[in-house]
Amino acid sequence: MDIKVYTFEEMLSAEFPKLVEVRDGEVGFPGRNYWIELKRIKGYHDLLAWVHHLAGKAWIDGEAISQFIEAVCAQKGWKIYGGG
């Protein structure tokens, strides 16, 4: 069994796999065939409710939640940091 050793620079430049996609007015997790209509997320409170809902799924992890938040905010033109 070979073990890959990464340099610090390689670790910093590593990219996570794309777990979330936006298409046809929906945001979702194509690997799970789980989609949410973007029009159902009207404000930050809706986004928070969806994050809470998704957090209860056995298949979700922190990176998927992060990508979900980033994708929704990008589509809505919302800032993640520094207010709306």
N, C-alpha and C. Protein backbone atom coordinates (compact mmCIF):
# COMPACT_ATOMS: atom_id res chain seq x y z
N MET A 1 0.85 -1.17 0.00
CA MET A 1 0.00 0.00 0.00
C MET A 1 0.90 1.24 0.00
N ASP A 2 0.74 2.06 -1.01
CA ASP A 2 1.51 3.29 -1.11
C ASP A 2 0.77 4.43 -0.45
N ILE A 3 1.49 5.25 0.26
CA ILE A 3 0.91 6.42 0.91
C ILE A 3 1.46 7.65 0.23
N LYS A 4 0.58 8.53 -0.22
CA LYS A 4 0.98 9.78 -0.87
C LYS A 4 1.27 10.81 0.20
N VAL A 5 2.44 11.41 0.13
CA VAL A 5 2.82 12.46 1.05
C VAL A 5 2.74 13.79 0.30
N TYR A 6 1.99 14.74 0.86
CA TYR A 6 1.81 16.05 0.23
C TYR A 6 2.69 17.09 0.89
N THR A 7 3.17 18.02 0.07
CA THR A 7 3.92 19.15 0.63
C THR A 7 2.93 20.15 1.20
N PHE A 8 3.44 21.07 1.99
CA PHE A 8 2.60 22.12 2.55
C PHE A 8 1.94 22.94 1.44
N GLU A 9 2.70 23.26 0.39
CA GLU A 9 2.16 24.04 -0.73
C GLU A 9 1.04 23.29 -1.44
N GLU A 10 1.20 21.97 -1.60
CA GLU A 10 0.15 21.16 -2.22
C GLU A 10 -1.11 21.15 -1.36
N MET A 11 -0.93 21.08 -0.07
CA MET A 11 -2.08 21.09 0.83
C MET A 11 -2.84 22.41 0.74
N LEU A 12 -2.10 23.53 0.68
CA LEU A 12 -2.74 24.84 0.60
C LEU A 12 -3.50 25.03 -0.71
N SER A 13 -3.01 24.43 -1.77
CA SER A 13 -3.65 24.64 -3.07
C SER A 13 -4.67 23.55 -3.42
N ALA A 14 -4.87 22.62 -2.50
CA ALA A 14 -5.83 21.54 -2.74
C ALA A 14 -7.24 22.09 -2.86
N GLU A 15 -8.00 21.52 -3.76
CA GLU A 15 -9.39 21.92 -3.94
C GLU A 15 -10.30 20.77 -3.54
N PHE A 16 -11.40 21.12 -2.90
CA PHE A 16 -12.37 20.11 -2.53
C PHE A 16 -13.21 19.75 -3.76
N PRO A 17 -13.71 18.54 -3.81
CA PRO A 17 -14.57 18.19 -4.94
C PRO A 17 -15.85 19.03 -4.90
N LYS A 18 -16.39 19.28 -6.08
CA LYS A 18 -17.61 20.07 -6.17
C LYS A 18 -18.80 19.18 -5.80
N LEU A 19 -19.39 19.47 -4.66
CA LEU A 19 -20.51 18.68 -4.15
C LEU A 19 -21.85 19.31 -4.45
N VAL A 20 -21.85 20.62 -4.75
CA VAL A 20 -23.08 21.38 -4.95
C VAL A 20 -23.06 22.01 -6.34
N GLU A 21 -24.20 21.98 -7.00
CA GLU A 21 -24.34 22.61 -8.31
C GLU A 21 -25.60 23.47 -8.34
N VAL A 22 -25.57 24.46 -9.22
CA VAL A 22 -26.74 25.28 -9.47
C VAL A 22 -27.10 25.09 -10.93
N ARG A 23 -28.35 24.72 -11.18
CA ARG A 23 -28.81 24.56 -12.56
C ARG A 23 -30.33 24.61 -12.62
N ASP A 24 -30.80 25.19 -13.70
CA ASP A 24 -32.25 25.26 -13.95
C ASP A 24 -33.03 25.83 -12.76
N GLY A 25 -32.47 26.87 -12.13
CA GLY A 25 -33.18 27.51 -11.03
C GLY A 25 -33.19 26.73 -9.73
N GLU A 26 -32.32 25.74 -9.64
CA GLU A 26 -32.24 24.93 -8.43
C GLU A 26 -30.79 24.85 -7.95
N VAL A 27 -30.64 24.63 -6.68
CA VAL A 27 -29.33 24.37 -6.08
C VAL A 27 -29.43 22.99 -5.45
N GLY A 28 -28.38 22.21 -5.61
CA GLY A 28 -28.50 20.88 -5.04
C GLY A 28 -27.23 20.07 -5.04
N PHE A 29 -27.43 18.84 -4.67
CA PHE A 29 -26.37 17.88 -4.50
C PHE A 29 -26.57 16.78 -5.54
N PRO A 30 -25.93 16.91 -6.71
CA PRO A 30 -26.19 15.96 -7.79
C PRO A 30 -25.84 14.52 -7.43
N GLY A 31 -24.85 14.33 -6.58
CA GLY A 31 -24.49 12.98 -6.17
C GLY A 31 -25.58 12.29 -5.36
N ARG A 32 -26.49 13.08 -4.81
CA ARG A 32 -27.60 12.56 -4.01
C ARG A 32 -28.95 12.78 -4.70
N ASN A 33 -28.91 13.43 -5.87
CA ASN A 33 -30.14 13.80 -6.58
C ASN A 33 -31.11 14.53 -5.65
N TYR A 34 -30.56 15.50 -4.91
CA TYR A 34 -31.33 16.28 -3.94
C TYR A 34 -31.25 17.74 -4.36
N TRP A 35 -32.39 18.31 -4.75
CA TRP A 35 -32.44 19.66 -5.32
C TRP A 35 -33.44 20.52 -4.58
N ILE A 36 -33.12 21.83 -4.48
CA ILE A 36 -33.98 22.81 -3.82
C ILE A 36 -34.17 23.97 -4.78
N GLU A 37 -35.41 24.37 -5.01
CA GLU A 37 -35.66 25.51 -5.88
C GLU A 37 -35.13 26.78 -5.22
N LEU A 38 -34.34 27.54 -5.96
CA LEU A 38 -33.78 28.78 -5.41
C LEU A 38 -34.85 29.77 -5.01
N LYS A 39 -36.00 29.74 -5.68
CA LYS A 39 -37.07 30.69 -5.33
C LYS A 39 -37.64 30.42 -3.94
N ARG A 40 -37.36 29.24 -3.38
CA ARG A 40 -37.82 28.93 -2.02
C ARG A 40 -36.92 29.57 -0.96
N ILE A 41 -35.79 30.11 -1.39
CA ILE A 41 -34.85 30.75 -0.46
C ILE A 41 -34.90 32.25 -0.73
N LYS A 42 -35.78 32.93 -0.01
CA LYS A 42 -36.03 34.36 -0.25
C LYS A 42 -35.15 35.27 0.58
N GLY A 43 -34.66 34.78 1.70
CA GLY A 43 -33.84 35.60 2.59
C GLY A 43 -32.92 34.73 3.42
N TYR A 44 -32.12 35.40 4.24
CA TYR A 44 -31.17 34.68 5.07
C TYR A 44 -31.85 33.68 6.00
N HIS A 45 -33.05 34.03 6.49
CA HIS A 45 -33.75 33.12 7.40
C HIS A 45 -34.12 31.82 6.68
N ASP A 46 -34.47 31.91 5.40
CA ASP A 46 -34.77 30.69 4.63
C ASP A 46 -33.50 29.86 4.44
N LEU A 47 -32.40 30.54 4.16
CA LEU A 47 -31.13 29.82 4.00
C LEU A 47 -30.77 29.10 5.29
N LEU A 48 -30.92 29.78 6.41
CA LEU A 48 -30.62 29.16 7.70
C LEU A 48 -31.53 27.95 7.95
N ALA A 49 -32.79 28.07 7.60
CA ALA A 49 -33.72 26.95 7.78
C ALA A 49 -33.29 25.74 6.93
N TRP A 50 -32.84 26.00 5.69
CA TRP A 50 -32.38 24.90 4.83
C TRP A 50 -31.09 24.30 5.36
N VAL A 51 -30.18 25.13 5.87
CA VAL A 51 -28.94 24.60 6.46
C VAL A 51 -29.27 23.70 7.64
N HIS A 52 -30.21 24.14 8.47
CA HIS A 52 -30.62 23.33 9.61
C HIS A 52 -31.23 22.01 9.14
N HIS A 53 -32.08 22.08 8.13
CA HIS A 53 -32.69 20.88 7.57
C HIS A 53 -31.63 19.92 7.02
N LEU A 54 -30.70 20.47 6.24
CA LEU A 54 -29.66 19.64 5.64
C LEU A 54 -28.74 19.02 6.69
N ALA A 55 -28.49 19.76 7.76
CA ALA A 55 -27.61 19.26 8.83
C ALA A 55 -28.14 17.97 9.45
N GLY A 56 -29.43 17.73 9.33
CA GLY A 56 -30.02 16.51 9.86
C GLY A 56 -29.88 15.30 8.95
N LYS A 57 -29.37 15.51 7.75
CA LYS A 57 -29.20 14.41 6.80
C LYS A 57 -27.93 13.63 7.16
N ALA A 58 -28.01 12.32 7.12
CA ALA A 58 -26.86 11.48 7.47
C ALA A 58 -25.71 11.62 6.47
N TRP A 59 -26.02 11.99 5.24
CA TRP A 59 -25.01 12.04 4.18
C TRP A 59 -24.32 13.40 4.04
N ILE A 60 -24.76 14.39 4.78
CA ILE A 60 -24.21 15.74 4.64
C ILE A 60 -22.97 15.90 5.53
N ASP A 61 -22.05 16.74 5.09
CA ASP A 61 -20.89 17.05 5.94
C ASP A 61 -20.63 18.56 5.87
N GLY A 62 -19.66 19.01 6.63
CA GLY A 62 -19.37 20.43 6.72
C GLY A 62 -19.00 21.06 5.38
N GLU A 63 -18.23 20.35 4.57
CA GLU A 63 -17.84 20.89 3.27
C GLU A 63 -19.05 21.05 2.35
N ALA A 64 -19.96 20.09 2.37
CA ALA A 64 -21.17 20.19 1.55
C ALA A 64 -22.03 21.36 1.99
N ILE A 65 -22.17 21.56 3.30
CA ILE A 65 -22.93 22.70 3.83
C ILE A 65 -22.28 24.00 3.39
N SER A 66 -20.96 24.06 3.49
CA SER A 66 -20.23 25.26 3.10
C SER A 66 -20.44 25.59 1.62
N GLN A 67 -20.34 24.58 0.78
CA GLN A 67 -20.55 24.78 -0.66
C GLN A 67 -21.99 25.19 -0.95
N PHE A 68 -22.94 24.64 -0.21
CA PHE A 68 -24.34 25.02 -0.37
C PHE A 68 -24.54 26.49 -0.05
N ILE A 69 -24.01 26.94 1.08
CA ILE A 69 -24.14 28.34 1.47
C ILE A 69 -23.49 29.25 0.43
N GLU A 70 -22.28 28.90 -0.01
CA GLU A 70 -21.57 29.70 -1.01
C GLU A 70 -22.35 29.78 -2.32
N ALA A 71 -22.91 28.66 -2.75
CA ALA A 71 -23.66 28.63 -4.02
C ALA A 71 -24.92 29.49 -3.93
N VAL A 72 -25.66 29.36 -2.85
CA VAL A 72 -26.89 30.14 -2.69
C VAL A 72 -26.56 31.63 -2.63
N CYS A 73 -25.58 31.98 -1.82
CA CYS A 73 -25.22 33.40 -1.67
C CYS A 73 -24.72 33.98 -2.99
N ALA A 74 -23.97 33.22 -3.76
CA ALA A 74 -23.50 33.69 -5.06
C ALA A 74 -24.68 33.95 -6.00
N GLN A 75 -25.65 33.07 -5.99
CA GLN A 75 -26.82 33.23 -6.86
C GLN A 75 -27.68 34.41 -6.44
N LYS A 76 -27.78 34.64 -5.15
CA LYS A 76 -28.62 35.72 -4.62
C LYS A 76 -27.91 37.06 -4.54
N GLY A 77 -26.58 37.05 -4.73
CA GLY A 77 -25.82 38.30 -4.60
C GLY A 77 -25.64 38.72 -3.16
N TRP A 78 -25.67 37.77 -2.24
CA TRP A 78 -25.53 38.04 -0.82
C TRP A 78 -24.07 37.88 -0.41
N LYS A 79 -23.65 38.69 0.55
CA LYS A 79 -22.33 38.52 1.15
C LYS A 79 -22.42 37.51 2.28
N ILE A 80 -21.41 36.69 2.36
CA ILE A 80 -21.36 35.75 3.48
C ILE A 80 -20.78 36.43 4.72
N TYR A 81 -19.76 37.25 4.50
CA TYR A 81 -19.11 37.96 5.59
C TYR A 81 -19.38 39.45 5.42
N GLY A 82 -19.54 40.15 6.51
CA GLY A 82 -19.69 41.60 6.46
C GLY A 82 -21.09 42.09 6.19
N GLY A 83 -22.08 41.27 6.48
CA GLY A 83 -23.47 41.71 6.33
C GLY A 83 -24.00 41.54 4.93
N GLY A 84 -25.29 41.91 4.76
CA GLY A 84 -26.02 41.69 3.51
C GLY A 84 -25.69 42.68 2.49
